[in-house]
Amino acid sequence: MKAPIVEIFSSIQGEGLFIGKRQIFVRFAGCNLNCTYCDTEISKSKNSGSILTVDDVIKKIEELVSPDLHSISFTGGEPSLYYDFINEIIKKIDYKTMLETNGTLTKNISKLNLIDFVSLDIKLPDHFNENWSDDILDNEIKTLNLLISNSKSVYCKLVVLPSMKINSIEKIIKKLSNEITNQNGLQIIIQPSSPIDEWKSLNKHLFEISETVGKYFEVSTIPQVHKFLNIE
């Protein structure tokens, strides 16, 4: 079994609930979406990675293991495109694992039963120049309901841009709140887009976004800390 891999590296998680945790990142090539804010453009195309076997990936993981390792993060691109490949890796290692996903490929994610943690990005119309549809959000909601019903540890990440309108954010968050059958403490992490300098003089707007999300979910606002540390 083989898959296109852009890179495998060890670093400090700079986003979401596991910020500050040491992880080994396995970045897959290829994505089913085309977000404007993507900071790993190279991972969008399946042709950008090196074709590796499961054993190739495991060998590299073992070389990178350190005493402070928290978990293995499967990222991209969209890693759930390669659910069968990921499952084979998980079966052969003894580390906690995390999926960083856009959550739109519900059937694929449903087959990743062995994953421990899931970070799911909520996509907004503002994240795309074109081709956004209600199906994107509907599939993310289906995935969240699936993960919660299977007692998976999941949180949502919401990348916000300075240009975003409060009304459009609230529309999406309200829909999430209405259609997630059992929120079960689900948290939403607001992630201001990078570079963070874009948010100078916009603190009030960021507070308004947090207040809006906070009407419906437990919320935190966390920027991309690895950018401050100047690490990958």
C-alpha atoms as a PDB file:
ATOM      1  CA  MET A   1       0.000   0.000   0.000  1.00  0.00           C
ATOM      2  CA  LYS A   2       1.334   3.425  -0.968  1.00  0.00           C
ATOM      3  CA  ALA A   3       0.372   7.093  -0.608  1.00  0.00           C
ATOM      4  CA  PRO A   4       1.813  10.502  -1.620  1.00  0.00           C
ATOM      5  CA  ILE A   5       3.570  12.123   1.333  1.00  0.00           C
ATOM      6  CA  VAL A   6       4.818  15.718   1.281  1.00  0.00           C
ATOM      7  CA  GLU A   7       6.844  15.516   4.496  1.00  0.00           C
ATOM      8  CA  ILE A   8       7.245  13.781   7.843  1.00  0.00           C
ATOM      9  CA  PHE A   9       8.697  15.878  10.642  1.00  0.00           C
ATOM     10  CA  SER A  10       8.703  16.433  14.397  1.00  0.00           C
ATOM     11  CA  SER A  11       7.614  19.761  15.828  1.00  0.00           C
ATOM     12  CA  ILE A  12       5.482  21.561  18.398  1.00  0.00           C
ATOM     13  CA  GLN A  13       1.764  21.689  17.628  1.00  0.00           C
ATOM     14  CA  GLY A  14       0.927  25.348  17.050  1.00  0.00           C
ATOM     15  CA  GLU A  15      -2.842  25.160  16.611  1.00  0.00           C
ATOM     16  CA  GLY A  16      -5.930  24.034  18.487  1.00  0.00           C
ATOM     17  CA  LEU A  17      -6.361  22.266  21.809  1.00  0.00           C
ATOM     18  CA  PHE A  18      -3.003  20.479  21.717  1.00  0.00           C
ATOM     19  CA  ILE A  19      -0.990  23.629  21.259  1.00  0.00           C
ATOM     20  CA  GLY A  20       2.493  23.187  22.732  1.00  0.00           C
ATOM     21  CA  LYS A  21       2.441  19.399  22.460  1.00  0.00           C
ATOM     22  CA  ARG A  22       5.246  17.608  20.649  1.00  0.00           C
ATOM     23  CA  GLN A  23       3.928  15.747  17.617  1.00  0.00           C
ATOM     24  CA  ILE A  24       5.240  13.936  14.599  1.00  0.00           C
ATOM     25  CA  PHE A  25       3.424  15.262  11.541  1.00  0.00           C
ATOM     26  CA  VAL A  26       2.728  13.066   8.527  1.00  0.00           C
ATOM     27  CA  ARG A  27       1.609  15.424   5.768  1.00  0.00           C
ATOM     28  CA  PHE A  28      -0.268  13.845   2.879  1.00  0.00           C
ATOM     29  CA  ALA A  29      -0.462  15.344  -0.609  1.00  0.00           C
ATOM     30  CA  GLY A  30      -3.853  16.008  -2.168  1.00  0.00           C
ATOM     31  CA  CYS A  31      -6.981  17.815  -1.016  1.00  0.00           C
ATOM     32  CA  ASN A  32     -10.628  17.794  -2.092  1.00  0.00           C
ATOM     33  CA  LEU A  33     -11.015  21.528  -1.287  1.00  0.00           C
ATOM     34  CA  ASN A  34      -9.208  24.707  -2.314  1.00  0.00           C
ATOM     35  CA  CYS A  35      -9.208  27.158   0.616  1.00  0.00           C
ATOM     36  CA  THR A  36      -7.780  30.615   0.003  1.00  0.00           C
ATOM     37  CA  TYR A  37      -6.016  30.801   3.382  1.00  0.00           C
ATOM     38  CA  CYS A  38      -4.161  27.476   3.036  1.00  0.00           C
ATOM     39  CA  ASP A  39      -0.582  27.831   4.308  1.00  0.00           C
ATOM     40  CA  THR A  40       0.605  24.550   2.798  1.00  0.00           C
ATOM     41  CA  GLU A  41      -0.164  25.134  -0.872  1.00  0.00           C
ATOM     42  CA  ILE A  42       2.251  22.394  -1.864  1.00  0.00           C
ATOM     43  CA  SER A  43      -0.003  19.814  -0.215  1.00  0.00           C
ATOM     44  CA  LYS A  44      -3.049  20.573  -2.390  1.00  0.00           C
ATOM     45  CA  SER A  45      -1.956  18.422  -5.334  1.00  0.00           C
ATOM     46  CA  LYS A  46      -1.512  14.653  -5.130  1.00  0.00           C
ATOM     47  CA  ASN A  47       1.422  15.073  -7.502  1.00  0.00           C
ATOM     48  CA  SER A  48       3.482  17.089  -5.021  1.00  0.00           C
ATOM     49  CA  GLY A  49       4.370  14.250  -2.661  1.00  0.00           C
ATOM     50  CA  SER A  50       6.786  11.340  -2.689  1.00  0.00           C
ATOM     51  CA  ILE A  51       5.161   7.921  -3.000  1.00  0.00           C
ATOM     52  CA  LEU A  52       5.865   6.023   0.213  1.00  0.00           C
ATOM     53  CA  THR A  53       4.799   2.686   1.651  1.00  0.00           C
ATOM     54  CA  VAL A  54       3.323   2.171   5.115  1.00  0.00           C
ATOM     55  CA  ASP A  55       6.644   0.730   6.278  1.00  0.00           C
ATOM     56  CA  ASP A  56       8.504   3.771   4.877  1.00  0.00           C
ATOM     57  CA  VAL A  57       6.343   6.076   6.965  1.00  0.00           C
ATOM     58  CA  ILE A  58       6.646   3.981  10.117  1.00  0.00           C
ATOM     59  CA  LYS A  59      10.430   3.861   9.769  1.00  0.00           C
ATOM     60  CA  LYS A  60      10.592   7.648   9.573  1.00  0.00           C
ATOM     61  CA  ILE A  61       8.225   8.013  12.545  1.00  0.00           C
ATOM     62  CA  GLU A  62      10.425   5.739  14.667  1.00  0.00           C
ATOM     63  CA  GLU A  63      13.491   7.788  13.724  1.00  0.00           C
ATOM     64  CA  LEU A  64      11.759  10.954  14.968  1.00  0.00           C
ATOM     65  CA  VAL A  65      10.292   9.672  18.231  1.00  0.00           C
ATOM     66  CA  SER A  66      11.379  11.748  21.240  1.00  0.00           C
ATOM     67  CA  PRO A  67      10.681  11.380  24.999  1.00  0.00           C
ATOM     68  CA  ASP A  68       8.195  14.274  24.918  1.00  0.00           C
ATOM     69  CA  LEU A  69       6.100  12.866  22.061  1.00  0.00           C
ATOM     70  CA  HIS A  70       2.372  13.390  22.526  1.00  0.00           C
ATOM     71  CA  SER A  71       0.977  11.887  19.321  1.00  0.00           C
ATOM     72  CA  ILE A  72       1.247  11.362  15.584  1.00  0.00           C
ATOM     73  CA  SER A  73      -0.690  13.935  13.559  1.00  0.00           C
ATOM     74  CA  PHE A  74      -1.984  12.957  10.122  1.00  0.00           C
ATOM     75  CA  THR A  75      -2.406  16.192   8.209  1.00  0.00           C
ATOM     76  CA  GLY A  76      -2.370  17.529   4.687  1.00  0.00           C
ATOM     77  CA  GLY A  77      -3.848  18.301   2.315  1.00  0.00           C
ATOM     78  CA  GLU A  78      -6.744  16.145   3.369  1.00  0.00           C
ATOM     79  CA  PRO A  79      -5.458  12.978   5.073  1.00  0.00           C
ATOM     80  CA  SER A  80      -8.824  11.186   5.134  1.00  0.00           C
ATOM     81  CA  LEU A  81      -8.397  10.630   1.399  1.00  0.00           C
ATOM     82  CA  TYR A  82      -5.960   7.914   2.529  1.00  0.00           C
ATOM     83  CA  TYR A  83      -7.955   6.371   5.382  1.00  0.00           C
ATOM     84  CA  ASP A  84      -6.894   2.803   4.527  1.00  0.00           C
ATOM     85  CA  PHE A  85      -3.210   3.799   4.507  1.00  0.00           C
ATOM     86  CA  ILE A  86      -3.588   5.582   7.860  1.00  0.00           C
ATOM     87  CA  ASN A  87      -5.349   2.576   9.369  1.00  0.00           C
ATOM     88  CA  GLU A  88      -2.450   0.344   8.400  1.00  0.00           C
ATOM     89  CA  ILE A  89       0.012   2.701  10.072  1.00  0.00           C
ATOM     90  CA  ILE A  90      -2.025   2.886  13.280  1.00  0.00           C
ATOM     91  CA  LYS A  91      -2.209  -0.901  13.489  1.00  0.00           C
ATOM     92  CA  LYS A  92       1.578  -1.103  13.455  1.00  0.00           C
ATOM     93  CA  ILE A  93       2.512   1.645  15.926  1.00  0.00           C
ATOM     94  CA  ASP A  94       1.904   2.176  19.621  1.00  0.00           C
ATOM     95  CA  TYR A  95       1.399   5.933  19.795  1.00  0.00           C
ATOM     96  CA  LYS A  96      -1.645   8.146  20.127  1.00  0.00           C
ATOM     97  CA  THR A  97      -2.841   9.497  16.795  1.00  0.00           C
ATOM     98  CA  MET A  98      -4.607  12.616  15.580  1.00  0.00           C
ATOM     99  CA  LEU A  99      -6.461  13.469  12.368  1.00  0.00           C
ATOM    100  CA  GLU A 100      -6.420  17.060  11.117  1.00  0.00           C
ATOM    101  CA  THR A 101      -9.285  17.200   8.618  1.00  0.00           C
ATOM    102  CA  ASN A 102     -11.776  19.407   6.817  1.00  0.00           C
ATOM    103  CA  GLY A 103     -14.417  16.866   7.806  1.00  0.00           C
ATOM    104  CA  THR A 104     -16.178  16.753   4.434  1.00  0.00           C
ATOM    105  CA  LEU A 105     -15.378  13.109   3.582  1.00  0.00           C
ATOM    106  CA  THR A 106     -17.684  11.520   6.145  1.00  0.00           C
ATOM    107  CA  LYS A 107     -17.565   7.979   4.730  1.00  0.00           C
ATOM    108  CA  ASN A 108     -13.771   7.967   4.774  1.00  0.00           C
ATOM    109  CA  ILE A 109     -13.573   9.345   8.305  1.00  0.00           C
ATOM    110  CA  SER A 110     -16.109   6.757   9.489  1.00  0.00           C
ATOM    111  CA  LYS A 111     -13.524   4.092   8.627  1.00  0.00           C
ATOM    112  CA  LEU A 112     -10.822   5.644  10.823  1.00  0.00           C
ATOM    113  CA  ASN A 113     -12.064   3.896  13.947  1.00  0.00           C
ATOM    114  CA  LEU A 114      -8.628   3.662  15.558  1.00  0.00           C
ATOM    115  CA  ILE A 115      -7.845   7.385  15.542  1.00  0.00           C
ATOM    116  CA  ASP A 116      -7.649   8.954  19.023  1.00  0.00           C
ATOM    117  CA  PHE A 117      -8.163  12.678  18.394  1.00  0.00           C
ATOM    118  CA  VAL A 118      -9.750  14.725  15.626  1.00  0.00           C
ATOM    119  CA  SER A 119      -9.265  18.399  14.800  1.00  0.00           C
ATOM    120  CA  LEU A 120     -11.974  19.398  12.325  1.00  0.00           C
ATOM    121  CA  ASP A 121     -11.831  22.663  10.387  1.00  0.00           C
ATOM    122  CA  ILE A 122     -15.174  24.380   9.856  1.00  0.00           C
ATOM    123  CA  LYS A 123     -15.251  25.949   6.404  1.00  0.00           C
ATOM    124  CA  LEU A 124     -17.027  29.215   5.633  1.00  0.00           C
ATOM    125  CA  PRO A 125     -17.977  30.723   2.249  1.00  0.00           C
ATOM    126  CA  ASP A 126     -15.307  33.388   2.884  1.00  0.00           C
ATOM    127  CA  HIS A 127     -12.654  30.650   2.744  1.00  0.00           C
ATOM    128  CA  PHE A 128     -13.199  30.126  -0.983  1.00  0.00           C
ATOM    129  CA  ASN A 129     -13.016  32.235  -4.120  1.00  0.00           C
ATOM    130  CA  GLU A 130     -15.614  29.931  -5.665  1.00  0.00           C
ATOM    131  CA  ASN A 131     -17.204  26.472  -5.420  1.00  0.00           C
ATOM    132  CA  TRP A 132     -18.374  26.710  -1.800  1.00  0.00           C
ATOM    133  CA  SER A 133     -21.692  24.969  -1.269  1.00  0.00           C
ATOM    134  CA  ASP A 134     -23.975  24.048   1.619  1.00  0.00           C
ATOM    135  CA  ASP A 135     -22.846  20.446   1.085  1.00  0.00           C
ATOM    136  CA  ILE A 136     -19.487  21.312   2.655  1.00  0.00           C
ATOM    137  CA  LEU A 137     -21.033  22.361   5.951  1.00  0.00           C
ATOM    138  CA  ASP A 138     -23.669  19.608   5.832  1.00  0.00           C
ATOM    139  CA  ASN A 139     -20.952  16.964   5.493  1.00  0.00           C
ATOM    140  CA  GLU A 140     -18.921  18.503   8.325  1.00  0.00           C
ATOM    141  CA  ILE A 141     -22.003  18.305  10.551  1.00  0.00           C
ATOM    142  CA  LYS A 142     -22.547  14.663   9.572  1.00  0.00           C
ATOM    143  CA  THR A 143     -18.930  13.931  10.446  1.00  0.00           C
ATOM    144  CA  LEU A 144     -19.157  15.702  13.799  1.00  0.00           C
ATOM    145  CA  ASN A 145     -22.322  13.791  14.707  1.00  0.00           C
ATOM    146  CA  LEU A 146     -20.597  10.546  13.713  1.00  0.00           C
ATOM    147  CA  LEU A 147     -17.464  11.267  15.764  1.00  0.00           C
ATOM    148  CA  ILE A 148     -19.417  12.366  18.823  1.00  0.00           C
ATOM    149  CA  SER A 149     -21.700   9.320  18.660  1.00  0.00           C
ATOM    150  CA  ASN A 150     -18.549   7.149  18.541  1.00  0.00           C
ATOM    151  CA  SER A 151     -17.156   8.955  21.614  1.00  0.00           C
ATOM    152  CA  LYS A 152     -14.179  10.345  19.729  1.00  0.00           C
ATOM    153  CA  SER A 153     -12.213  13.236  21.195  1.00  0.00           C
ATOM    154  CA  VAL A 154     -12.973  16.014  18.692  1.00  0.00           C
ATOM    155  CA  TYR A 155     -12.807  19.783  18.571  1.00  0.00           C
ATOM    156  CA  CYS A 156     -13.474  22.285  15.797  1.00  0.00           C
ATOM    157  CA  LYS A 157     -11.159  24.925  14.447  1.00  0.00           C
ATOM    158  CA  LEU A 158     -12.539  28.032  12.746  1.00  0.00           C
ATOM    159  CA  VAL A 159     -10.071  30.138  10.786  1.00  0.00           C
ATOM    160  CA  VAL A 160     -11.301  33.721  10.686  1.00  0.00           C
ATOM    161  CA  LEU A 161     -10.211  36.511   8.352  1.00  0.00           C
ATOM    162  CA  PRO A 162     -10.318  40.253   9.142  1.00  0.00           C
ATOM    163  CA  SER A 163     -12.862  40.759   6.346  1.00  0.00           C
ATOM    164  CA  MET A 164     -15.411  38.300   7.720  1.00  0.00           C
ATOM    165  CA  LYS A 165     -18.830  39.618   8.699  1.00  0.00           C
ATOM    166  CA  ILE A 166     -20.318  38.724  12.077  1.00  0.00           C
ATOM    167  CA  ASN A 167     -23.675  37.858  10.498  1.00  0.00           C
ATOM    168  CA  SER A 168     -22.169  35.257   8.162  1.00  0.00           C
ATOM    169  CA  ILE A 169     -20.204  33.656  11.006  1.00  0.00           C
ATOM    170  CA  GLU A 170     -23.244  33.512  13.262  1.00  0.00           C
ATOM    171  CA  LYS A 171     -25.338  31.904  10.521  1.00  0.00           C
ATOM    172  CA  ILE A 172     -22.895  29.007  10.258  1.00  0.00           C
ATOM    173  CA  ILE A 173     -22.347  28.605  14.012  1.00  0.00           C
ATOM    174  CA  LYS A 174     -26.084  28.651  14.689  1.00  0.00           C
ATOM    175  CA  LYS A 175     -26.601  25.935  12.093  1.00  0.00           C
ATOM    176  CA  LEU A 176     -23.905  23.852  13.765  1.00  0.00           C
ATOM    177  CA  SER A 177     -25.558  24.305  17.136  1.00  0.00           C
ATOM    178  CA  ASN A 178     -28.990  23.343  15.794  1.00  0.00           C
ATOM    179  CA  GLU A 179     -27.878  20.270  13.861  1.00  0.00           C
ATOM    180  CA  ILE A 180     -25.236  18.673  16.071  1.00  0.00           C
ATOM    181  CA  THR A 181     -27.384  16.219  17.970  1.00  0.00           C
ATOM    182  CA  ASN A 182     -25.244  16.039  21.101  1.00  0.00           C
ATOM    183  CA  GLN A 183     -22.620  18.743  21.494  1.00  0.00           C
ATOM    184  CA  ASN A 184     -21.066  16.840  24.409  1.00  0.00           C
ATOM    185  CA  GLY A 185     -18.731  19.686  25.368  1.00  0.00           C
ATOM    186  CA  LEU A 186     -17.648  20.335  21.766  1.00  0.00           C
ATOM    187  CA  GLN A 187     -15.213  23.245  21.667  1.00  0.00           C
ATOM    188  CA  ILE A 188     -14.574  25.679  18.841  1.00  0.00           C
ATOM    189  CA  ILE A 189     -11.135  27.227  18.502  1.00  0.00           C
ATOM    190  CA  ILE A 190     -11.156  30.571  16.717  1.00  0.00           C
ATOM    191  CA  GLN A 191      -7.904  30.878  14.779  1.00  0.00           C
ATOM    192  CA  PRO A 192      -7.131  34.376  13.463  1.00  0.00           C
ATOM    193  CA  SER A 193      -5.556  34.127  10.031  1.00  0.00           C
ATOM    194  CA  SER A 194      -1.841  34.705   9.631  1.00  0.00           C
ATOM    195  CA  PRO A 195       0.039  36.984   9.402  1.00  0.00           C
ATOM    196  CA  ILE A 196      -1.262  38.227  12.739  1.00  0.00           C
ATOM    197  CA  ASP A 197      -0.246  41.801  11.793  1.00  0.00           C
ATOM    198  CA  GLU A 198      -3.426  41.877   9.696  1.00  0.00           C
ATOM    199  CA  TRP A 199      -5.360  42.034  12.979  1.00  0.00           C
ATOM    200  CA  LYS A 200      -3.721  45.202  14.295  1.00  0.00           C
ATOM    201  CA  SER A 201      -6.448  47.671  15.284  1.00  0.00           C
ATOM    202  CA  LEU A 202      -9.059  44.895  14.808  1.00  0.00           C
ATOM    203  CA  ASN A 203      -9.153  43.571  18.369  1.00  0.00           C
ATOM    204  CA  LYS A 204     -12.764  44.663  18.757  1.00  0.00           C
ATOM    205  CA  HIS A 205     -13.748  42.602  15.722  1.00  0.00           C
ATOM    206  CA  LEU A 206     -11.975  39.547  17.139  1.00  0.00           C
ATOM    207  CA  PHE A 207     -13.802  40.003  20.441  1.00  0.00           C
ATOM    208  CA  GLU A 208     -17.115  40.205  18.554  1.00  0.00           C
ATOM    209  CA  ILE A 209     -16.359  36.943  16.754  1.00  0.00           C
ATOM    210  CA  SER A 210     -15.576  35.227  20.059  1.00  0.00           C
ATOM    211  CA  GLU A 211     -18.757  36.579  21.631  1.00  0.00           C
ATOM    212  CA  THR A 212     -20.813  35.369  18.672  1.00  0.00           C
ATOM    213  CA  VAL A 213     -19.412  31.838  18.791  1.00  0.00           C
ATOM    214  CA  GLY A 214     -19.693  31.847  22.582  1.00  0.00           C
ATOM    215  CA  LYS A 215     -23.478  32.131  22.349  1.00  0.00           C
ATOM    216  CA  TYR A 216     -23.548  28.545  21.103  1.00  0.00           C
ATOM    217  CA  PHE A 217     -20.310  26.747  22.040  1.00  0.00           C
ATOM    218  CA  GLU A 218     -17.403  26.780  24.435  1.00  0.00           C
ATOM    219  CA  VAL A 219     -14.846  28.907  22.618  1.00  0.00           C
ATOM    220  CA  SER A 220     -11.170  29.871  22.736  1.00  0.00           C
ATOM    221  CA  THR A 221      -9.171  32.206  20.490  1.00  0.00           C
ATOM    222  CA  ILE A 222      -5.702  30.893  19.640  1.00  0.00           C
ATOM    223  CA  PRO A 223      -3.433  32.150  16.817  1.00  0.00           C
ATOM    224  CA  GLN A 224      -0.896  29.979  15.025  1.00  0.00           C
ATOM    225  CA  VAL A 225       1.747  29.891  17.750  1.00  0.00           C
ATOM    226  CA  HIS A 226       4.305  28.041  15.617  1.00  0.00           C
ATOM    227  CA  LYS A 227       4.489  31.150  13.431  1.00  0.00           C
ATOM    228  CA  PHE A 228       5.644  33.165  16.474  1.00  0.00           C
ATOM    229  CA  LEU A 229       8.218  30.482  17.285  1.00  0.00           C
ATOM    230  CA  ASN A 230       9.360  30.439  13.654  1.00  0.00           C
ATOM    231  CA  ILE A 231       9.067  26.673  13.434  1.00  0.00           C
ATOM    232  CA  GLU A 232       7.254  24.429  10.997  1.00  0.00           C
END
